[in-house]
Amino acid sequence: MTTPEAEQSRPEARLERAVRAAEQALIEYEIAVETFRVEVENFSRLHHQKLGPMYARLEELDAQIAEARAARTGDPEDVAQAQELRARVMPMPDVEELFHGWMDGEGLFPESVAMLTDQPVRPPQRVRPSDEARRLYRELARKAHPDLAQEDGERARREEFITRVNAAYARGDEVLLRELAEEWAAGPKPKDSGPAESNELYARLEWLAQRKELLSLVARELEESAIGSMLKLAQEDPDRLLDQIADQLIAEVTQRETDLAELLAQE
């Protein structure tokens, strides 16, 4: 019978502990990356829903201003610029039919009209996981993460399960996350693979290091993306940042409308 002291004194014991520590560190890093990815995705959705109509309105006004200027001057460069700006906002062929009844006569969505005329508008759906959803997600990720499996069958089972966990977390679905926690607790227990040989442990450490390097690239891309950079500037209150950008865009729209009116008055 092997005593705990003898087990700890095995040459591979220290290496096994290093592997277990590396696995847990990797999982914590993956949790952080996935959490930030969900935040970026949700903020991107809100950004598009709330500010997309204003950006579209600015592009339309830029095209109209360029067209009015080209009509007044007849300069080939002005004409070319007007055509270029108009091409940017021209709908794709046959797309208008898809949006029949959604737009008004000027090609604006109802949400855009409401925002630009200070009328009430239905706020975009906010999908931000609550603290409880975050807690449930972290617990499930620590228990069921595929990186903890070394057998193909067990890894496949974990990958299928954690895909459902990630989807529930992205929707902020606390009820489903609780159900998934119960499902995991009631499911088959992972088999203990027993002590591993040194070569296997070294290979496992190398795989974990490679996985961490790939995750670092994903994290860097998220942080350096336009939405990720914006979110990092206002992690505590992203709604306020959206409101500030909206105010700036409304001011730009107002200025463009004034410029267009002045050009048209000169005709």
Protein backbone atom coordinates (compact mmCIF):
# COMPACT_ATOMS: atom_id res chain seq x y z
CA MET A 1 0.00 0.00 0.00
CA THR A 2 1.37 3.38 -0.96
CA THR A 3 1.42 5.94 1.84
CA PRO A 4 0.68 9.64 1.23
CA GLU A 5 4.30 10.39 2.07
CA ALA A 6 5.54 7.90 -0.51
CA GLU A 7 3.11 9.24 -3.08
CA GLN A 8 4.38 12.80 -2.56
CA SER A 9 7.99 11.60 -2.86
CA ARG A 10 7.51 10.04 -6.31
CA PRO A 11 9.65 11.76 -8.97
CA GLU A 12 6.52 12.53 -10.99
CA ALA A 13 4.53 13.95 -8.04
CA ARG A 14 5.95 17.46 -8.32
CA LEU A 15 5.42 17.44 -12.07
CA GLU A 16 1.82 16.26 -11.61
CA ARG A 17 1.17 19.12 -9.20
CA ALA A 18 2.61 21.56 -11.75
CA VAL A 19 0.30 20.16 -14.43
CA ARG A 20 -2.76 20.47 -12.16
CA ALA A 21 -1.80 24.06 -11.30
CA ALA A 22 -1.26 24.90 -14.98
CA GLU A 23 -4.66 23.39 -15.86
CA GLN A 24 -6.46 25.50 -13.27
CA ALA A 25 -4.58 28.65 -14.30
CA LEU A 26 -5.50 28.04 -17.94
CA ILE A 27 -9.17 27.52 -17.08
CA GLU A 28 -9.26 30.76 -15.07
CA TYR A 29 -7.70 32.55 -18.04
CA GLU A 30 -10.20 31.00 -20.44
CA ILE A 31 -13.05 32.08 -18.16
CA ALA A 32 -11.74 35.66 -18.19
CA VAL A 33 -11.34 35.66 -21.98
CA GLU A 34 -14.80 34.17 -22.58
CA THR A 35 -16.38 36.65 -20.15
CA PHE A 36 -14.76 39.57 -21.98
CA ARG A 37 -15.77 38.10 -25.35
CA VAL A 38 -19.41 37.97 -24.22
CA GLU A 39 -19.19 41.56 -22.96
CA VAL A 40 -17.69 42.73 -26.27
CA GLU A 41 -20.34 40.87 -28.27
CA ASN A 42 -23.19 42.31 -26.23
CA PHE A 43 -21.76 45.83 -26.29
CA SER A 44 -21.29 45.54 -30.05
CA ARG A 45 -24.98 44.60 -30.40
CA LEU A 46 -26.06 47.57 -28.29
CA HIS A 47 -23.72 49.88 -30.19
CA HIS A 48 -25.21 48.79 -33.51
CA GLN A 49 -28.81 48.99 -32.31
CA LYS A 50 -28.49 52.38 -30.71
CA LEU A 51 -25.99 54.18 -32.90
CA GLY A 52 -26.31 52.37 -36.24
CA PRO A 53 -29.22 54.55 -37.45
CA MET A 54 -27.27 57.70 -36.63
CA TYR A 55 -24.21 56.54 -38.56
CA ALA A 56 -26.49 55.68 -41.49
CA ARG A 57 -28.09 59.12 -41.34
CA LEU A 58 -24.67 60.80 -41.36
CA GLU A 59 -23.63 58.82 -44.43
CA GLU A 60 -26.86 59.78 -46.20
CA LEU A 61 -26.37 63.47 -45.36
CA ASP A 62 -22.76 63.35 -46.56
CA ALA A 63 -23.98 61.93 -49.88
CA GLN A 64 -26.70 64.58 -50.21
CA ILE A 65 -24.26 67.40 -49.40
CA ALA A 66 -21.78 66.11 -51.98
CA GLU A 67 -24.54 65.79 -54.58
CA ALA A 68 -25.79 69.33 -53.91
CA ARG A 69 -22.26 70.68 -54.18
CA ALA A 70 -21.62 68.76 -57.41
CA ALA A 71 -24.90 70.02 -58.90
CA ARG A 72 -23.92 73.60 -58.09
CA THR A 73 -20.29 73.52 -59.27
CA GLY A 74 -20.33 70.89 -62.00
CA ASP A 75 -16.71 70.16 -61.10
CA PRO A 76 -15.71 66.63 -62.20
CA GLU A 77 -13.97 66.01 -58.87
CA ASP A 78 -17.11 67.04 -56.97
CA VAL A 79 -19.22 64.82 -59.20
CA ALA A 80 -16.86 61.86 -58.64
CA GLN A 81 -16.91 62.39 -54.87
CA ALA A 82 -20.71 62.59 -54.87
CA GLN A 83 -20.94 59.34 -56.82
CA GLU A 84 -18.50 57.65 -54.43
CA LEU A 85 -20.41 58.74 -51.33
CA ARG A 86 -23.74 57.77 -52.89
CA ALA A 87 -22.37 54.32 -53.73
CA ARG A 88 -21.58 53.78 -50.06
CA VAL A 89 -25.20 54.23 -49.02
CA MET A 90 -26.91 52.69 -52.06
CA PRO A 91 -28.87 49.55 -51.13
CA MET A 92 -27.84 46.24 -52.64
CA PRO A 93 -30.00 45.04 -55.56
CA ASP A 94 -33.24 43.35 -54.45
CA VAL A 95 -32.59 44.20 -50.78
CA GLU A 96 -35.26 46.90 -50.61
CA GLU A 97 -37.93 44.23 -51.04
CA LEU A 98 -36.70 42.54 -47.88
CA PHE A 99 -37.33 45.71 -45.90
CA HIS A 100 -40.64 46.63 -47.52
CA GLY A 101 -42.79 48.40 -44.94
CA TRP A 102 -39.90 48.81 -42.51
CA MET A 103 -38.65 52.16 -43.82
CA ASP A 104 -40.33 55.47 -44.46
CA GLY A 105 -40.21 57.40 -47.73
CA GLU A 106 -36.74 58.78 -47.00
CA GLY A 107 -35.22 55.38 -46.35
CA LEU A 108 -35.01 55.74 -42.57
CA PHE A 109 -35.88 53.10 -40.02
CA PRO A 110 -38.52 54.06 -37.41
CA GLU A 111 -35.89 53.86 -34.66
CA SER A 112 -33.72 56.30 -36.59
CA VAL A 113 -36.58 58.75 -37.10
CA ALA A 114 -37.49 58.59 -33.41
CA MET A 115 -33.91 59.16 -32.27
CA LEU A 116 -33.36 62.10 -34.62
CA THR A 117 -36.63 63.80 -33.64
CA ASP A 118 -36.32 63.24 -29.88
CA GLN A 119 -39.33 60.92 -29.87
CA PRO A 120 -39.49 57.92 -27.56
CA VAL A 121 -37.76 54.87 -28.97
CA ARG A 122 -37.78 51.31 -27.77
CA PRO A 123 -34.47 50.79 -25.99
CA PRO A 124 -32.24 48.04 -27.36
CA GLN A 125 -32.31 44.77 -25.49
CA ARG A 126 -29.55 44.60 -22.91
CA VAL A 127 -27.94 41.20 -22.52
CA ARG A 128 -25.42 41.48 -19.73
CA PRO A 129 -24.96 38.45 -17.46
CA SER A 130 -25.82 39.16 -13.84
CA ASP A 131 -23.45 38.49 -10.94
CA GLU A 132 -25.29 35.23 -10.25
CA ALA A 133 -24.98 34.16 -13.88
CA ARG A 134 -21.26 34.93 -13.74
CA ARG A 135 -20.89 32.85 -10.57
CA LEU A 136 -22.74 29.88 -12.07
CA TYR A 137 -20.74 30.13 -15.27
CA ARG A 138 -17.41 30.20 -13.46
CA GLU A 139 -18.31 27.18 -11.33
CA LEU A 140 -19.41 25.17 -14.34
CA ALA A 141 -16.35 26.15 -16.36
CA ARG A 142 -14.04 25.10 -13.53
CA LYS A 143 -15.76 21.72 -13.18
CA ALA A 144 -16.58 20.80 -16.76
CA HIS A 145 -13.97 22.49 -18.90
CA PRO A 146 -12.73 20.28 -21.78
CA ASP A 147 -9.11 21.13 -20.98
CA LEU A 148 -9.42 18.95 -17.88
CA ALA A 149 -10.04 15.85 -20.00
CA GLN A 150 -7.25 13.78 -21.48
CA GLU A 151 -9.36 11.05 -23.08
CA ASP A 152 -11.09 11.80 -26.40
CA GLY A 153 -14.50 10.54 -25.26
CA GLU A 154 -14.51 12.57 -22.07
CA ARG A 155 -13.25 15.65 -23.89
CA ALA A 156 -16.04 15.37 -26.47
CA ARG A 157 -18.63 15.08 -23.68
CA ARG A 158 -17.25 18.17 -21.98
CA GLU A 159 -17.04 20.15 -25.20
CA GLU A 160 -20.71 19.50 -25.99
CA PHE A 161 -21.71 20.46 -22.46
CA ILE A 162 -19.57 23.59 -22.21
CA THR A 163 -20.92 24.79 -25.58
CA ARG A 164 -24.40 24.85 -24.00
CA VAL A 165 -22.99 26.58 -20.93
CA ASN A 166 -21.37 29.29 -23.05
CA ALA A 167 -24.61 29.84 -24.99
CA ALA A 168 -26.64 30.18 -21.78
CA TYR A 169 -24.07 32.56 -20.31
CA ALA A 170 -24.06 34.72 -23.45
CA ARG A 171 -27.83 35.13 -23.04
CA GLY A 172 -27.54 35.76 -19.30
CA ASP A 173 -29.91 32.84 -18.66
CA GLU A 174 -29.59 32.13 -14.93
CA VAL A 175 -32.35 29.51 -14.93
CA LEU A 176 -30.69 27.46 -17.66
CA LEU A 177 -27.28 27.78 -16.00
CA ARG A 178 -28.75 26.34 -12.78
CA GLU A 179 -30.29 23.49 -14.75
CA LEU A 180 -26.95 22.81 -16.41
CA ALA A 181 -25.24 22.78 -13.00
CA GLU A 182 -27.73 20.15 -11.83
CA GLU A 183 -27.23 18.17 -15.03
CA TRP A 184 -23.46 18.14 -14.58
CA ALA A 185 -23.74 17.12 -10.93
CA ALA A 186 -26.04 14.23 -11.84
CA GLY A 187 -23.97 13.08 -14.81
CA PRO A 188 -21.22 10.46 -14.98
CA LYS A 189 -18.17 11.22 -12.89
CA PRO A 190 -14.92 11.60 -14.81
CA LYS A 191 -12.66 8.59 -14.43
CA ASP A 192 -9.43 8.98 -12.51
CA SER A 193 -6.69 8.25 -14.99
CA GLY A 194 -4.21 7.52 -12.22
CA PRO A 195 -0.56 8.55 -12.07
CA ALA A 196 0.92 9.57 -15.39
CA GLU A 197 4.40 8.96 -16.70
CA SER A 198 6.88 11.83 -16.93
CA ASN A 199 6.71 11.96 -20.73
CA GLU A 200 2.91 12.30 -20.61
CA LEU A 201 3.15 15.06 -18.02
CA TYR A 202 5.70 17.01 -20.02
CA ALA A 203 3.54 16.66 -23.13
CA ARG A 204 0.55 17.87 -21.14
CA LEU A 205 2.46 20.92 -19.91
CA GLU A 206 3.54 21.71 -23.47
CA TRP A 207 -0.07 21.46 -24.71
CA LEU A 208 -1.28 23.73 -21.92
CA ALA A 209 1.39 26.30 -22.78
CA GLN A 210 0.38 26.24 -26.46
CA ARG A 211 -3.28 26.62 -25.51
CA LYS A 212 -2.43 29.63 -23.32
CA GLU A 213 -0.53 31.21 -26.22
CA LEU A 214 -3.53 30.83 -28.55
CA LEU A 215 -5.84 32.31 -25.92
CA SER A 216 -3.48 35.25 -25.52
CA LEU A 217 -3.87 36.01 -29.22
CA VAL A 218 -7.67 35.87 -28.91
CA ALA A 219 -7.58 38.16 -25.87
CA ARG A 220 -5.31 40.63 -27.66
CA GLU A 221 -7.62 40.74 -30.70
CA LEU A 222 -10.60 41.41 -28.45
CA GLU A 223 -8.82 44.15 -26.52
CA GLU A 224 -7.49 45.84 -29.65
CA SER A 225 -10.80 45.74 -31.54
CA ALA A 226 -12.76 48.98 -31.82
CA ILE A 227 -15.58 47.72 -29.59
CA GLY A 228 -13.18 46.11 -27.12
CA SER A 229 -11.21 49.33 -26.77
CA MET A 230 -14.41 51.30 -26.20
CA LEU A 231 -15.61 48.82 -23.61
CA LYS A 232 -12.35 48.91 -21.69
CA LEU A 233 -12.67 52.69 -21.45
CA ALA A 234 -16.07 52.40 -19.77
CA GLN A 235 -16.28 49.00 -18.10
CA GLU A 236 -18.19 50.39 -15.12
CA ASP A 237 -20.85 52.25 -17.13
CA PRO A 238 -20.91 51.32 -20.86
CA ASP A 239 -24.44 52.74 -21.25
CA ARG A 240 -23.13 56.20 -20.38
CA LEU A 241 -20.45 55.89 -23.06
CA LEU A 242 -23.12 55.01 -25.64
CA ASP A 243 -25.15 58.04 -24.54
CA GLN A 244 -22.12 60.31 -24.92
CA ILE A 245 -21.39 58.99 -28.43
CA ALA A 246 -25.08 59.39 -29.32
CA ASP A 247 -24.98 63.03 -28.22
CA GLN A 248 -21.92 63.63 -30.41
CA LEU A 249 -23.56 61.95 -33.41
CA ILE A 250 -26.79 63.94 -32.97
CA ALA A 251 -24.72 67.15 -32.97
CA GLU A 252 -22.97 66.03 -36.16
CA VAL A 253 -26.31 65.18 -37.79
CA THR A 254 -27.66 68.62 -36.88
CA GLN A 255 -24.60 70.31 -38.36
CA ARG A 256 -24.81 68.26 -41.56
CA GLU A 257 -28.50 69.15 -41.94
CA THR A 258 -27.64 72.84 -41.53
CA ASP A 259 -24.87 72.56 -44.14
CA LEU A 260 -27.21 70.80 -46.56
CA ALA A 261 -29.93 73.40 -46.08
CA GLU A 262 -27.47 76.20 -46.80
CA LEU A 263 -26.26 74.49 -50.00
CA LEU A 264 -29.81 73.92 -51.24
CA ALA A 265 -30.71 77.54 -50.50
CA GLN A 266 -27.91 78.69 -52.80
CA GLU A 267 -29.39 76.93 -55.81
